[in-house]
Structure formats: structure tokens, C-alpha cells
Amino acid sequence: MTAEKVAKVIAAFERTLVAGDTPFDRFMRGDKSAMTVQQQKGMKTYEKAGCVHCHGGPMFSDFKLHFIDVTGTGRDDRQPMRTPTLRNLRYTAPYLHHGRKRTLQEVMVFYEKLMDAAAEVIDGGAETDPPFDPLLKHLHLEAEDFEDVLAFLDALNDEGWDKSVTKSVPSGLKVGGE
């Protein structure tokens, strides 16, 4: 399957990740008890850390391509990837475009390291090929914030979301999952 076809299949899947009755959604509609104090703190930290630059808006995605993977195993990993939604993360592991992060905690550590590496390269005037996304320079995520941000991300899960698995996909590939 070509990269273009893979991208279309992934995009079609991501459009099914509709979640409109999450604790976050209820909170935003005025139910101030829908999110815990920790989730509310995590939301403020998420915004302050700069995550909203790429993961903002109602779908928690800008739907743009960004080059972020500086820890790939080879040249093929060094390509820009579309920002995925953060809704229903509890159900969509493994994470990142290559699926190498099994937990959201691992993703947080990845971004903490990435933020430091990108700032060093960008501030130092060095170039990478392809170049780092300049938005990484605005990311300020600290390890002590992980727990609160993870609590906020949990508020983006919709328990009523359709978790059924289709019997077939357009590509004709075998359908996995539970």
C-alpha cells in the first residue's frame, strides 16, 4: 500500500473518533463538576505548556503536518506527520505516528526530551533535515506537570464512543483489534 493510501485510511479512521460527551465537553458546556480539580489544573497546564499550538480546537488537532520525530531509527522516520486528535486516547494506543510509545506517560517523556533537543538546535542556529517544527520551541512541558496533564487528557475520553471493530477496510488488509 502506498504512503498516500495509508494516509487516507488513517484519516478515515481518525474521522470516526468522534467524542462529544466527554467530561471536558460537559465542563465547557457549564457543568463545572464534570472535571476533577486535577483535570482542571491539567487543562491550565496543558494550555500554558503550549500543547494547544498543535493540539488545540474542538478536535484537539490543528490537522497540519509537523516534523517532530528526532528519535527515529532511520531516514524513513524523519518526515512530517499530521497532528492527531487527542480525543479518546485511552482507546487508541500505541501512540505517536510510529506506534513506539505504549503509554501516554512515555509520550510525555518523549515530548520533554524533544522539547529540549529542538530548543538546542533551533536556538543554536543548527539545521536538521528536515527542519524541526519551530512550534517545538514554544513547548514548555515539565516532568512535574505530567500527572496533571495526563488527568486532563483522560477528561477527553467519551465512555459512549463507538468502540466496535469493522469487519473489513477499504485496503483489504486483515482487520485487527478486539
Protein backbone atom coordinates (compact mmCIF):
# COMPACT_ATOMS: atom_id res chain seq x y z
CA MET A 1 0.00 0.00 0.00
CA THR A 2 1.36 3.43 -0.90
CA ALA A 3 2.00 6.11 1.71
CA GLU A 4 -0.84 8.15 0.21
CA LYS A 5 -3.30 5.27 0.64
CA VAL A 6 -2.10 4.66 4.20
CA ALA A 7 -2.62 8.35 5.00
CA LYS A 8 -6.16 8.20 3.59
CA VAL A 9 -7.02 5.11 5.64
CA ILE A 10 -5.64 6.71 8.80
CA ALA A 11 -7.53 9.94 8.09
CA ALA A 12 -10.76 7.99 7.55
CA PHE A 13 -10.21 6.20 10.87
CA GLU A 14 -9.47 9.44 12.71
CA ARG A 15 -12.75 10.93 11.48
CA THR A 16 -14.55 8.15 13.37
CA LEU A 17 -13.02 9.25 16.68
CA VAL A 18 -15.97 11.49 17.45
CA ALA A 19 -16.42 12.18 21.13
CA GLY A 20 -18.88 14.84 22.18
CA ASP A 21 -19.85 13.85 25.69
CA THR A 22 -16.53 13.80 27.48
CA PRO A 23 -16.02 15.32 30.93
CA PHE A 24 -14.22 18.17 29.12
CA ASP A 25 -17.21 18.80 26.82
CA ARG A 26 -19.64 18.80 29.74
CA PHE A 27 -17.31 21.17 31.65
CA MET A 28 -17.16 23.53 28.66
CA ARG A 29 -20.97 23.46 28.43
CA GLY A 30 -21.15 24.75 32.01
CA ASP A 31 -21.07 21.67 34.25
CA LYS A 32 -18.15 22.76 36.45
CA SER A 33 -18.29 19.44 38.34
CA ALA A 34 -17.71 17.37 35.17
CA MET A 35 -13.92 17.61 35.52
CA THR A 36 -11.97 16.95 38.69
CA VAL A 37 -9.81 19.65 40.27
CA GLN A 38 -6.73 17.82 38.96
CA GLN A 39 -8.16 17.67 35.44
CA GLN A 40 -8.90 21.40 35.56
CA LYS A 41 -5.35 22.07 36.77
CA GLY A 42 -4.06 19.81 33.98
CA MET A 43 -6.07 21.76 31.40
CA LYS A 44 -4.44 25.01 32.53
CA THR A 45 -1.00 23.36 32.49
CA TYR A 46 -1.69 21.90 29.02
CA GLU A 47 -2.51 25.36 27.70
CA LYS A 48 0.42 27.03 29.49
CA ALA A 49 2.84 24.33 28.27
CA GLY A 50 1.98 25.21 24.67
CA CYS A 51 0.34 21.92 23.70
CA VAL A 52 -2.56 23.91 22.21
CA HIS A 53 -0.32 25.20 19.41
CA CYS A 54 -0.75 21.86 17.63
CA HIS A 55 -3.40 20.09 19.73
CA GLY A 56 -6.00 22.86 20.01
CA GLY A 57 -9.53 23.45 18.88
CA PRO A 58 -12.55 21.22 19.35
CA MET A 59 -10.79 18.14 17.96
CA PHE A 60 -7.52 18.89 19.79
CA SER A 61 -5.66 18.99 16.47
CA ASP A 62 -4.64 21.67 14.00
CA PHE A 63 -4.72 18.96 11.27
CA LYS A 64 -1.38 20.29 9.96
CA LEU A 65 1.84 18.45 9.17
CA HIS A 66 4.66 18.84 11.70
CA PHE A 67 8.15 17.37 11.85
CA ILE A 68 8.71 16.23 15.43
CA ASP A 69 10.41 12.82 15.36
CA VAL A 70 14.06 13.31 16.27
CA THR A 71 14.39 9.86 17.83
CA GLY A 72 13.53 7.76 14.79
CA THR A 73 15.53 4.74 13.79
CA GLY A 74 16.30 5.88 10.29
CA ARG A 75 15.78 8.29 7.47
CA ASP A 76 12.28 6.97 6.73
CA ASP A 77 11.09 8.12 10.18
CA ARG A 78 12.17 11.69 9.51
CA GLN A 79 9.05 13.04 7.86
CA PRO A 80 6.32 15.44 8.89
CA MET A 81 3.18 13.85 10.27
CA ARG A 82 -0.35 15.18 10.64
CA THR A 83 -1.33 16.17 14.18
CA PRO A 84 -3.71 13.52 15.52
CA THR A 85 -6.68 14.27 17.74
CA LEU A 86 -6.22 13.76 21.47
CA ARG A 87 -9.79 12.64 21.98
CA ASN A 88 -10.33 9.06 23.19
CA LEU A 89 -6.63 8.43 23.75
CA ARG A 90 -7.49 5.72 26.26
CA TYR A 91 -8.66 3.59 23.33
CA THR A 92 -6.05 4.36 20.67
CA ALA A 93 -2.68 3.07 21.94
CA PRO A 94 0.06 2.66 20.84
CA TYR A 95 0.95 6.30 20.36
CA LEU A 96 2.83 8.61 18.00
CA HIS A 97 2.98 8.02 14.27
CA HIS A 98 5.28 5.03 14.57
CA GLY A 99 3.41 3.39 17.46
CA ARG A 100 6.57 3.00 19.55
CA LYS A 101 5.13 4.58 22.69
CA ARG A 102 2.89 2.19 24.58
CA THR A 103 1.69 4.61 27.27
CA LEU A 104 0.82 8.29 27.45
CA GLN A 105 3.50 8.62 30.15
CA GLU A 106 6.07 7.53 27.53
CA VAL A 107 4.69 10.15 25.14
CA MET A 108 5.09 12.83 27.80
CA VAL A 109 8.73 11.82 28.37
CA PHE A 110 9.27 11.83 24.59
CA TYR A 111 7.97 15.42 24.34
CA GLU A 112 10.01 16.56 27.32
CA LYS A 113 13.20 15.27 25.67
CA LEU A 114 12.13 16.50 22.24
CA MET A 115 11.44 19.98 23.57
CA ASP A 116 14.97 20.24 24.94
CA ALA A 117 16.59 18.87 21.78
CA ALA A 118 14.58 21.12 19.48
CA ALA A 119 15.28 24.25 21.53
CA GLU A 120 19.01 23.48 21.50
CA VAL A 121 19.07 23.06 17.71
CA ILE A 122 16.78 25.99 16.94
CA ASP A 123 18.42 28.38 19.44
CA GLY A 124 21.88 27.25 18.37
CA GLY A 125 21.17 28.01 14.72
CA ALA A 126 21.79 24.41 13.69
CA GLU A 127 19.81 22.76 10.91
CA THR A 128 18.27 19.34 10.70
CA ASP A 129 16.97 17.70 7.56
CA PRO A 130 14.03 18.04 7.52
CA PRO A 131 13.97 21.04 9.87
CA PHE A 132 12.42 20.91 13.32
CA ASP A 133 8.98 22.39 13.58
CA PRO A 134 9.53 25.84 15.11
CA LEU A 135 6.47 25.38 17.33
CA LEU A 136 8.54 22.94 19.40
CA LYS A 137 10.47 25.94 20.70
CA HIS A 138 7.27 27.14 22.39
CA LEU A 139 6.61 23.87 24.22
CA HIS A 140 7.32 24.04 27.96
CA LEU A 141 6.37 20.72 29.49
CA GLU A 142 8.00 19.67 32.75
CA ALA A 143 8.04 16.20 34.34
CA GLU A 144 6.27 17.50 37.44
CA ASP A 145 3.33 18.50 35.21
CA PHE A 146 2.83 15.06 33.66
CA GLU A 147 0.32 13.74 36.19
CA ASP A 148 -1.98 16.76 35.87
CA VAL A 149 -1.79 16.85 32.06
CA LEU A 150 -2.49 13.11 31.88
CA ALA A 151 -5.53 13.64 34.12
CA PHE A 152 -6.74 16.34 31.72
CA LEU A 153 -6.20 14.06 28.71
CA ASP A 154 -8.34 11.47 30.46
CA ALA A 155 -11.15 14.05 30.50
CA LEU A 156 -11.12 13.86 26.68
CA ASN A 157 -12.38 10.26 26.69
CA ASP A 158 -16.03 9.58 25.86
CA GLU A 159 -17.27 6.39 27.52
CA GLY A 160 -20.13 6.22 24.99
CA TRP A 161 -17.80 6.27 22.00
CA ASP A 162 -18.40 3.54 19.42
CA LYS A 163 -15.62 1.03 20.04
CA SER A 164 -16.92 -1.59 17.62
CA VAL A 165 -14.48 -3.08 15.13
CA THR A 166 -15.37 -3.10 11.46
CA LYS A 167 -15.41 -6.40 9.58
CA SER A 168 -13.45 -5.03 6.61
CA VAL A 169 -11.45 -1.99 5.49
CA PRO A 170 -11.07 -0.42 2.03
CA SER A 171 -7.47 -1.60 1.74
CA GLY A 172 -8.49 -5.23 2.01
CA LEU A 173 -5.98 -5.76 4.84
CA LYS A 174 -6.88 -8.03 7.73
CA VAL A 175 -8.77 -6.19 10.49
CA GLY A 176 -7.11 -6.39 13.90
CA GLY A 177 -8.18 -5.26 17.33
CA GLU A 178 -10.57 -6.74 19.80
